[in-house]
Amino acid sequence: MSLGKQYDFNIYSIWLISIALLLVTPLYYSMGYVLIFDSLLVVALCLLLRKVKLNSSECIIFGLMLVFYLIYVVNMVASNAMLNVKNSLVMFCTIIASYLLSKYEPTYRDYRLFDVLCFLIQLYVIFYSLYYAKTGIFPFDWNYVDFSMFAIFAFTLGMKRGYCCTSAILAIIASAVLPARTWFLFLALFILFYFLKGFVAQVLQCKLFGKTILIILYLFIAITLLAYFWVDVLSQYFAVIEGHGAAFDQANMERFTTMKMANEIMIKENFFFKGLDMISLYEPYLDKYDILMPNVGPHNSFHGILLYYSICFGGIYLLVLSRIVDHVTCKEMIPYIYPYLICCCILHDNLTGFRFFLFAIVLLVPFKGKTGRRIVWR
């Protein structure tokens, strides 16, 4: 293998090695430091080896992003919201590294690393599902979406690399043991988009749907309208069922209520250059604290980014994220991209931190048998 191909392999594989690091990270909050270190290393190698070139518009976007990020950090440090500062640094580093890798075309042809990695991850997830182990070393929350998102990651990665059998086994086990209903929603959407990807590809040719940022905007508007309709209209005609397990249960009512409250707070307060403190959360809104606190803020990834990380920095973050998706969009990628974005409408923090990292891995891993990472169809 030539020196150039060795460099290509090493740069691209750095992003994958972090998966193993995340698996053995003993503390939840230390994952952020792993992601920061890994992202900075990827950015440094891509720029120093001149493997990625940015055009003028991209330089302007990243320049504005840096300015908004620094203003946001200054405001949050002044408010002593250090958790926001740390999480925003993870966001800033991972989004830049992901963007550079989305433009980066690996030239190596040996995909055995991806095959071995995919197989080991799926075995690990299956073992954890069967063992039902609540070990201190595993960083994800079994009772919520963290593990189900990780299972989704392993499932989709296996489908891309051709491990359909182990992916099917994982899906069956996950359906039996995972408590989160989001897994069933994602699986149903994945199957639906898989069989309708040809039709969806034609729809995405239209200018109104040609950019991911537009689709994110439509999803944001749709889930906001649904939240108001659910809370203000449907609640007048249907009795709320206690617990979980029904469409109109207490959990769904609280989920949509948090989205409505997030809109009201963003309208009332000035969140253009600062965000809501993630530690104190909604303490200034004590009349709504009982609902918001157990749900850890708005149950919507788009609302959460704007509420916690300011409208300016959060908005440009979503813009860069959408351009990453645009770089890798192809007909084969449709079942992986849009079900996840739809699930983000009812789940929080799935476009930041390690969850975004797992999503980015799925986007950037090549299909089995393809010489390149993606097929450009637009």
Foldseek 3Di string as FASTA:
>chain_A
DDPVLVLLVVLVCLLVVLVVVLQQALEQVCNLVSLLVSLVVSVCSCVVVVQADDDPVRVVLLVLLVVLLVLALVVCVVVVLVVLNSQVSSLNSNLVSLLRLLRGWRQDDDCVVLVVSLVVLLVVLLVCLVVVDPDSRGNDDQQDCRSLLSLVLSLLSCVQAVVNPSSVVSLVSCVVRRPDPLSVLLVVLLVVCQVCLVVVVVVCVDPCNVFQLSVLVVLLVVLLVVLCCLAPPVVVPDPEDDDDDDPRHPVVNLQSVLSPVLVVVCVVDAQARYADRQVCHVVVPVVCCVSQVVQSGHQAALSVLCHHRNCSSSVSSVVSVRVSCSSQDDSNCRSLPVSQSNSNGRHHPCCGDVNVSSSSVSSSRAGHPDSIRHDDDD
